Amino acid sequence: MRRALKAAVLTLLMLLEPPLTIATPYWVKPGVYIEYAAHRYDPYFPLVTGARPEMVRTAMLIYSVNGTLFRIEAHNDTRVRFEFLGMEDGFLLVRGTIEMENVTVTSIGLNSTKFPKFWDDGDVISEKLEKSHDVGSSTACGSK
């Protein structure tokens, strides 16, 4: 009997708890944001055996534009920010922003491939086309 009573009380507590845990936190209001920052830490590089500074990155992501895959690497600071814009039909509206510094964008394609650009030309410091080891293909590289 005592065991059944404990089980009933535990079940009742579990049933009453979910509405409290799935409620929107009090601090979620329009204009509030959460930001994560990954900073490049240069003094660490001499301690790493075999890693050149250009090999170390703070972020790397794959981005698809019209079926073309781009690898984007940040070699300096990276910030990811989630800003709460409001609530609509019980869902939070959130804007996500990724800000990367010293970025290298690479993609693979056949010779004479016209790559779609998703960046402003004024932001590009250098752009080069490197021949691939495979016949008929090349890699387009741009840095910003």
N, C-alpha and C. Protein backbone atom coordinates (compact mmCIF):
# COMPACT_ATOMS: atom_id res chain seq x y z
N MET A 1 0.82 -1.20 0.00
CA MET A 1 0.00 0.00 0.00
C MET A 1 0.87 1.27 0.00
N ARG A 2 1.89 1.23 0.83
CA ARG A 2 2.77 2.39 0.94
C ARG A 2 3.51 2.64 -0.38
N ARG A 3 3.93 1.57 -1.01
CA ARG A 3 4.64 1.67 -2.29
C ARG A 3 3.70 2.23 -3.37
N ALA A 4 2.45 1.80 -3.38
CA ALA A 4 1.47 2.30 -4.36
C ALA A 4 1.20 3.78 -4.14
N LEU A 5 1.16 4.22 -2.88
CA LEU A 5 0.93 5.62 -2.57
C LEU A 5 2.10 6.49 -3.06
N LYS A 6 3.33 6.00 -2.86
CA LYS A 6 4.51 6.73 -3.36
C LYS A 6 4.48 6.83 -4.88
N ALA A 7 4.11 5.74 -5.53
CA ALA A 7 4.04 5.75 -6.99
C ALA A 7 2.97 6.72 -7.48
N ALA A 8 1.83 6.77 -6.80
CA ALA A 8 0.75 7.68 -7.19
C ALA A 8 1.17 9.13 -7.01
N VAL A 9 1.83 9.44 -5.89
CA VAL A 9 2.29 10.81 -5.64
C VAL A 9 3.35 11.22 -6.68
N LEU A 10 4.27 10.31 -6.97
CA LEU A 10 5.30 10.59 -7.97
C LEU A 10 4.69 10.83 -9.34
N THR A 11 3.72 10.02 -9.72
CA THR A 11 3.03 10.18 -11.00
C THR A 11 2.30 11.52 -11.05
N LEU A 12 1.64 11.89 -9.97
CA LEU A 12 0.92 13.15 -9.91
C LEU A 12 1.88 14.34 -10.05
N LEU A 13 3.02 14.27 -9.38
CA LEU A 13 4.02 15.34 -9.50
C LEU A 13 4.55 15.45 -10.93
N MET A 14 4.77 14.32 -11.57
CA MET A 14 5.26 14.34 -12.95
C MET A 14 4.23 14.94 -13.89
N LEU A 15 2.96 14.68 -13.65
CA LEU A 15 1.91 15.22 -14.51
C LEU A 15 1.73 16.73 -14.30
N LEU A 16 1.98 17.21 -13.11
CA LEU A 16 1.80 18.63 -12.82
C LEU A 16 3.00 19.47 -13.25
N GLU A 17 4.17 18.89 -13.40
CA GLU A 17 5.40 19.63 -13.69
C GLU A 17 5.53 20.15 -15.13
N PRO A 18 5.16 19.41 -16.18
CA PRO A 18 5.43 19.88 -17.55
C PRO A 18 4.96 21.29 -17.89
N PRO A 19 3.76 21.73 -17.49
CA PRO A 19 3.38 23.10 -17.85
C PRO A 19 4.35 24.15 -17.31
N LEU A 20 4.97 23.87 -16.17
CA LEU A 20 5.92 24.82 -15.61
C LEU A 20 7.22 24.83 -16.40
N THR A 21 7.63 23.68 -16.90
CA THR A 21 8.92 23.61 -17.59
C THR A 21 8.84 24.01 -19.05
N ILE A 22 7.68 23.95 -19.67
CA ILE A 22 7.59 24.31 -21.08
C ILE A 22 7.10 25.75 -21.28
N ALA A 23 6.89 26.47 -20.19
CA ALA A 23 6.47 27.86 -20.30
C ALA A 23 7.64 28.70 -20.82
N THR A 24 7.32 29.80 -21.49
CA THR A 24 8.34 30.71 -21.99
C THR A 24 9.04 31.38 -20.81
N PRO A 25 10.37 31.40 -20.79
CA PRO A 25 11.09 32.06 -19.70
C PRO A 25 10.71 33.54 -19.60
N TYR A 26 10.75 34.08 -18.39
CA TYR A 26 10.35 35.47 -18.16
C TYR A 26 11.22 36.47 -18.92
N TRP A 27 12.47 36.12 -19.21
CA TRP A 27 13.40 37.05 -19.84
C TRP A 27 13.29 37.08 -21.36
N VAL A 28 12.45 36.21 -21.94
CA VAL A 28 12.29 36.20 -23.41
C VAL A 28 11.30 37.30 -23.79
N LYS A 29 11.86 38.41 -24.25
CA LYS A 29 11.07 39.57 -24.67
C LYS A 29 11.68 40.12 -25.96
N PRO A 30 10.92 40.84 -26.76
CA PRO A 30 11.50 41.44 -27.97
C PRO A 30 12.70 42.32 -27.61
N GLY A 31 13.77 42.15 -28.38
CA GLY A 31 14.99 42.93 -28.15
C GLY A 31 16.04 42.21 -27.33
N VAL A 32 15.65 41.18 -26.59
CA VAL A 32 16.62 40.42 -25.79
C VAL A 32 17.36 39.47 -26.73
N TYR A 33 18.66 39.30 -26.50
CA TYR A 33 19.45 38.41 -27.35
C TYR A 33 20.44 37.59 -26.53
N ILE A 34 20.85 36.48 -27.12
CA ILE A 34 21.88 35.62 -26.56
C ILE A 34 23.00 35.60 -27.59
N GLU A 35 24.24 35.82 -27.14
CA GLU A 35 25.36 35.84 -28.07
C GLU A 35 26.47 34.92 -27.58
N TYR A 36 26.98 34.12 -28.50
CA TYR A 36 28.12 33.25 -28.23
C TYR A 36 29.29 33.77 -29.05
N ALA A 37 30.46 33.91 -28.43
CA ALA A 37 31.64 34.41 -29.14
C ALA A 37 32.78 33.41 -29.03
N ALA A 38 33.39 33.10 -30.16
CA ALA A 38 34.60 32.26 -30.20
C ALA A 38 35.74 33.17 -30.65
N HIS A 39 36.65 33.47 -29.73
CA HIS A 39 37.76 34.37 -30.01
C HIS A 39 39.02 33.59 -30.36
N ARG A 40 39.74 34.10 -31.33
CA ARG A 40 41.02 33.49 -31.70
C ARG A 40 42.01 33.80 -30.58
N TYR A 41 42.75 32.79 -30.17
CA TYR A 41 43.70 32.93 -29.08
C TYR A 41 45.09 32.61 -29.60
N ASP A 42 45.80 33.63 -30.08
CA ASP A 42 47.10 33.43 -30.72
C ASP A 42 48.20 32.85 -29.83
N PRO A 43 48.30 33.19 -28.54
CA PRO A 43 49.39 32.60 -27.74
C PRO A 43 49.35 31.08 -27.68
N TYR A 44 48.21 30.49 -28.01
CA TYR A 44 48.07 29.03 -27.95
C TYR A 44 48.82 28.34 -29.09
N PHE A 45 48.95 29.00 -30.24
CA PHE A 45 49.52 28.36 -31.43
C PHE A 45 50.93 27.80 -31.25
N PRO A 46 51.87 28.51 -30.58
CA PRO A 46 53.20 27.92 -30.42
C PRO A 46 53.19 26.61 -29.63
N LEU A 47 52.16 26.40 -28.83
CA LEU A 47 52.09 25.19 -28.01
C LEU A 47 51.55 23.99 -28.79
N VAL A 48 50.92 24.26 -29.91
CA VAL A 48 50.32 23.18 -30.69
C VAL A 48 51.35 22.66 -31.68
N THR A 49 51.66 21.40 -31.59
CA THR A 49 52.64 20.80 -32.49
C THR A 49 51.98 20.46 -33.81
N GLY A 50 52.55 20.96 -34.89
CA GLY A 50 52.07 20.60 -36.22
C GLY A 50 50.92 21.42 -36.75
N ALA A 51 50.42 22.40 -36.02
CA ALA A 51 49.30 23.22 -36.51
C ALA A 51 49.81 24.62 -36.84
N ARG A 52 49.73 25.00 -38.11
CA ARG A 52 50.09 26.35 -38.51
C ARG A 52 48.92 27.28 -38.18
N PRO A 53 49.18 28.56 -37.92
CA PRO A 53 48.09 29.48 -37.57
C PRO A 53 46.97 29.53 -38.60
N GLU A 54 47.29 29.40 -39.90
CA GLU A 54 46.24 29.44 -40.92
C GLU A 54 45.37 28.18 -40.90
N MET A 55 45.83 27.13 -40.24
CA MET A 55 45.04 25.90 -40.14
C MET A 55 44.01 25.97 -39.02
N VAL A 56 44.27 26.83 -38.04
CA VAL A 56 43.37 26.94 -36.88
C VAL A 56 42.24 27.89 -37.24
N ARG A 57 41.02 27.49 -36.93
CA ARG A 57 39.86 28.33 -37.24
C ARG A 57 38.89 28.34 -36.07
N THR A 58 38.11 29.39 -35.99
CA THR A 58 37.12 29.50 -34.92
C THR A 58 35.76 28.98 -35.34
N ALA A 59 35.53 28.84 -36.65
CA ALA A 59 34.25 28.32 -37.13
C ALA A 59 34.41 27.76 -38.53
N MET A 60 33.57 26.79 -38.85
CA MET A 60 33.53 26.22 -40.19
C MET A 60 32.09 25.78 -40.44
N LEU A 61 31.53 26.19 -41.58
CA LEU A 61 30.18 25.75 -41.92
C LEU A 61 30.09 25.47 -43.40
N ILE A 62 29.11 24.66 -43.76
CA ILE A 62 28.82 24.32 -45.15
C ILE A 62 27.53 25.05 -45.52
N TYR A 63 27.55 25.77 -46.65
CA TYR A 63 26.41 26.58 -47.08
C TYR A 63 26.06 26.19 -48.51
N SER A 64 24.78 25.95 -48.77
CA SER A 64 24.33 25.56 -50.10
C SER A 64 23.62 26.73 -50.78
N VAL A 65 24.08 27.08 -51.99
CA VAL A 65 23.46 28.14 -52.78
C VAL A 65 23.12 27.55 -54.14
N ASN A 66 21.85 27.42 -54.45
CA ASN A 66 21.39 26.87 -55.73
C ASN A 66 22.06 25.53 -56.05
N GLY A 67 22.22 24.69 -55.06
CA GLY A 67 22.80 23.37 -55.27
C GLY A 67 24.32 23.33 -55.24
N THR A 68 24.98 24.48 -55.12
CA THR A 68 26.44 24.53 -55.01
C THR A 68 26.81 24.61 -53.54
N LEU A 69 27.69 23.70 -53.11
CA LEU A 69 28.12 23.70 -51.71
C LEU A 69 29.37 24.56 -51.54
N PHE A 70 29.35 25.40 -50.52
CA PHE A 70 30.49 26.25 -50.17
C PHE A 70 30.94 25.90 -48.76
N ARG A 71 32.25 25.78 -48.57
CA ARG A 71 32.81 25.61 -47.23
C ARG A 71 33.32 26.98 -46.79
N ILE A 72 32.83 27.45 -45.65
CA ILE A 72 33.19 28.77 -45.14
C ILE A 72 33.94 28.57 -43.82
N GLU A 73 35.17 29.10 -43.77
CA GLU A 73 36.00 28.97 -42.57
C GLU A 73 36.37 30.35 -42.06
N ALA A 74 36.25 30.56 -40.76
CA ALA A 74 36.66 31.81 -40.12
C ALA A 74 37.98 31.58 -39.40
N HIS A 75 38.96 32.42 -39.69
CA HIS A 75 40.28 32.29 -39.07
C HIS A 75 40.51 33.35 -38.01
N ASN A 76 39.48 34.06 -37.63
CA ASN A 76 39.56 35.04 -36.56
C ASN A 76 38.29 34.90 -35.72
N ASP A 77 37.84 35.95 -35.06
CA ASP A 77 36.70 35.86 -34.15
C ASP A 77 35.41 35.51 -34.89
N THR A 78 34.55 34.76 -34.20
CA THR A 78 33.23 34.38 -34.71
C THR A 78 32.20 34.64 -33.62
N ARG A 79 31.05 35.22 -34.01
CA ARG A 79 29.96 35.45 -33.07
C ARG A 79 28.66 34.89 -33.65
N VAL A 80 27.92 34.19 -32.79
CA VAL A 80 26.60 33.68 -33.16
C VAL A 80 25.61 34.36 -32.22
N ARG A 81 24.60 35.01 -32.81
CA ARG A 81 23.65 35.79 -32.00
C ARG A 81 22.23 35.36 -32.32
N PHE A 82 21.44 35.12 -31.27
CA PHE A 82 20.03 34.80 -31.39
C PHE A 82 19.25 35.94 -30.73
N GLU A 83 18.46 36.66 -31.55
CA GLU A 83 17.69 37.79 -31.04
C GLU A 83 16.20 37.45 -31.08
N PHE A 84 15.54 37.65 -29.94
CA PHE A 84 14.11 37.36 -29.85
C PHE A 84 13.33 38.56 -30.39
N LEU A 85 12.50 38.30 -31.40
CA LEU A 85 11.75 39.36 -32.06
C LEU A 85 10.33 39.48 -31.54
N GLY A 86 9.78 38.40 -31.03
CA GLY A 86 8.41 38.42 -30.53
C GLY A 86 7.84 37.02 -30.50
N MET A 87 6.51 36.96 -30.37
CA MET A 87 5.82 35.68 -30.30
C MET A 87 4.64 35.72 -31.26
N GLU A 88 4.44 34.63 -31.99
CA GLU A 88 3.35 34.56 -32.95
C GLU A 88 2.75 33.16 -32.92
N ASP A 89 1.47 33.06 -32.65
CA ASP A 89 0.75 31.78 -32.59
C ASP A 89 1.43 30.79 -31.66
N GLY A 90 1.94 31.26 -30.53
CA GLY A 90 2.57 30.38 -29.55
C GLY A 90 4.01 30.01 -29.86
N PHE A 91 4.57 30.55 -30.95
CA PHE A 91 5.95 30.26 -31.32
C PHE A 91 6.79 31.53 -31.17
N LEU A 92 8.04 31.34 -30.75
CA LEU A 92 8.97 32.46 -30.66
C LEU A 92 9.52 32.79 -32.04
N LEU A 93 9.59 34.06 -32.36
CA LEU A 93 10.24 34.51 -33.58
C LEU A 93 11.67 34.90 -33.20
N VAL A 94 12.64 34.23 -33.79
CA VAL A 94 14.04 34.43 -33.43
C VAL A 94 14.85 34.70 -34.69
N ARG A 95 15.71 35.72 -34.64
CA ARG A 95 16.63 36.00 -35.74
C ARG A 95 18.01 35.46 -35.34
N GLY A 96 18.58 34.63 -36.19
CA GLY A 96 19.92 34.09 -35.95
C GLY A 96 20.92 34.75 -36.88
N THR A 97 22.03 35.23 -36.32
CA THR A 97 23.06 35.91 -37.10
C THR A 97 24.41 35.27 -36.79
N ILE A 98 25.17 34.97 -37.84
CA ILE A 98 26.54 34.47 -37.67
C ILE A 98 27.47 35.52 -38.26
N GLU A 99 28.38 36.04 -37.44
CA GLU A 99 29.34 37.05 -37.88
C GLU A 99 30.74 36.44 -37.77
N MET A 100 31.44 36.37 -38.91
CA MET A 100 32.76 35.74 -38.96
C MET A 100 33.78 36.75 -39.49
N GLU A 101 35.01 36.69 -38.97
CA GLU A 101 36.08 37.57 -39.42
C GLU A 101 37.20 36.75 -40.06
N ASN A 102 37.84 37.34 -41.08
CA ASN A 102 38.92 36.69 -41.82
C ASN A 102 38.43 35.35 -42.38
N VAL A 103 37.51 35.44 -43.31
CA VAL A 103 36.80 34.27 -43.83
C VAL A 103 37.40 33.79 -45.14
N THR A 104 37.47 32.47 -45.29
CA THR A 104 37.85 31.85 -46.56
C THR A 104 36.67 31.02 -47.04
N VAL A 105 36.26 31.25 -48.30
CA VAL A 105 35.14 30.53 -48.90
C VAL A 105 35.70 29.65 -50.00
N THR A 106 35.42 28.34 -49.96
CA THR A 106 35.90 27.43 -51.00
C THR A 106 34.75 26.60 -51.54
N SER A 107 34.88 26.21 -52.81
CA SER A 107 33.90 25.35 -53.45
C SER A 107 34.60 24.57 -54.55
N ILE A 108 34.02 23.47 -54.95
CA ILE A 108 34.60 22.62 -55.99
C ILE A 108 33.64 22.59 -57.18
N GLY A 109 34.20 22.74 -58.38
CA GLY A 109 33.37 22.69 -59.58
C GLY A 109 34.21 22.38 -60.80
N LEU A 110 33.57 22.11 -61.91
CA LEU A 110 34.27 21.85 -63.16
C LEU A 110 34.85 23.15 -63.71
N ASN A 111 35.83 23.03 -64.63
CA ASN A 111 36.39 24.22 -65.27
C ASN A 111 35.28 25.01 -65.92
N SER A 112 35.40 26.31 -65.93
CA SER A 112 34.44 27.26 -66.48
C SER A 112 33.11 27.28 -65.72
N THR A 113 33.08 26.73 -64.52
CA THR A 113 31.87 26.79 -63.70
C THR A 113 31.69 28.21 -63.19
N LYS A 114 30.49 28.75 -63.31
CA LYS A 114 30.18 30.08 -62.80
C LYS A 114 29.54 29.87 -61.42
N PHE A 115 30.27 30.23 -60.37
CA PHE A 115 29.78 30.02 -59.01
C PHE A 115 28.83 31.14 -58.61
N PRO A 116 27.70 30.80 -57.97
CA PRO A 116 26.80 31.85 -57.47
C PRO A 116 27.48 32.58 -56.30
N LYS A 117 27.37 33.91 -56.28
CA LYS A 117 27.98 34.70 -55.20
C LYS A 117 26.90 35.09 -54.20
N PHE A 118 27.20 34.89 -52.94
CA PHE A 118 26.28 35.29 -51.88
C PHE A 118 26.93 36.36 -50.99
N TRP A 119 28.02 36.95 -51.45
CA TRP A 119 28.73 37.98 -50.70
C TRP A 119 28.82 39.24 -51.55
N ASP A 120 29.13 40.37 -50.93
CA ASP A 120 29.34 41.64 -51.64
C ASP A 120 30.76 41.67 -52.17
N ASP A 121 30.92 42.04 -53.44
CA ASP A 121 32.25 42.10 -54.04
C ASP A 121 33.18 43.06 -53.32
N GLY A 122 32.63 44.10 -52.69
CA GLY A 122 33.45 45.06 -51.96
C GLY A 122 34.08 44.48 -50.70
N ASP A 123 33.55 43.36 -50.23
CA ASP A 123 34.09 42.72 -49.02
C ASP A 123 35.22 41.75 -49.31
N VAL A 124 35.46 41.45 -50.59
CA VAL A 124 36.46 40.45 -50.95
C VAL A 124 37.84 41.09 -51.03
N ILE A 125 38.80 40.52 -50.31
CA ILE A 125 40.18 41.01 -50.34
C ILE A 125 40.92 40.38 -51.51
N SER A 126 40.78 39.08 -51.69
CA SER A 126 41.43 38.41 -52.82
C SER A 126 40.57 37.24 -53.27
N GLU A 127 40.72 36.91 -54.55
CA GLU A 127 39.98 35.80 -55.12
C GLU A 127 40.90 35.07 -56.08
N LYS A 128 40.95 33.76 -56.00
CA LYS A 128 41.82 33.00 -56.90
C LYS A 128 41.14 31.69 -57.28
N LEU A 129 41.55 31.17 -58.43
CA LEU A 129 41.05 29.90 -58.93
C LEU A 129 42.23 28.94 -58.96
N GLU A 130 42.13 27.85 -58.24
CA GLU A 130 43.21 26.87 -58.17
C GLU A 130 42.84 25.64 -58.96
N LYS A 131 43.77 25.14 -59.75
CA LYS A 131 43.55 23.91 -60.52
C LYS A 131 43.48 22.73 -59.56
N SER A 132 42.60 21.82 -59.88
CA SER A 132 42.45 20.62 -59.07
C SER A 132 43.38 19.53 -59.59
N HIS A 133 43.54 18.48 -58.81
CA HIS A 133 44.31 17.32 -59.25
C HIS A 133 43.49 16.47 -60.22
N ASP A 134 42.17 16.65 -60.18
CA ASP A 134 41.29 15.89 -61.07
C ASP A 134 41.20 16.61 -62.41
N VAL A 135 41.20 15.85 -63.50
CA VAL A 135 41.08 16.43 -64.83
C VAL A 135 39.69 17.02 -64.98
N GLY A 136 39.62 18.26 -65.44
CA GLY A 136 38.33 18.88 -65.72
C GLY A 136 37.68 19.55 -64.53
N SER A 137 38.33 19.60 -63.39
CA SER A 137 37.72 20.28 -62.25
C SER A 137 38.70 21.26 -61.63
N SER A 138 38.17 22.23 -60.92
CA SER A 138 39.00 23.23 -60.25
C SER A 138 38.31 23.66 -58.98
N THR A 139 39.03 24.39 -58.14
CA THR A 139 38.48 24.89 -56.89
C THR A 139 38.53 26.40 -56.90
N ALA A 140 37.41 27.04 -56.64
CA ALA A 140 37.39 28.49 -56.55
C ALA A 140 37.56 28.88 -55.09
N CYS A 141 38.46 29.80 -54.84
CA CYS A 141 38.73 30.22 -53.47
C CYS A 141 38.59 31.73 -53.39
N GLY A 142 37.92 32.21 -52.40
CA GLY A 142 37.83 33.64 -52.15
C GLY A 142 38.00 33.90 -50.68
N SER A 143 38.63 35.01 -50.33
CA SER A 143 38.82 35.38 -48.93
C SER A 143 38.19 36.73 -48.70
N LYS A 144 37.57 36.87 -47.53
CA LYS A 144 37.09 38.18 -47.14
C LYS A 144 37.30 38.39 -45.68
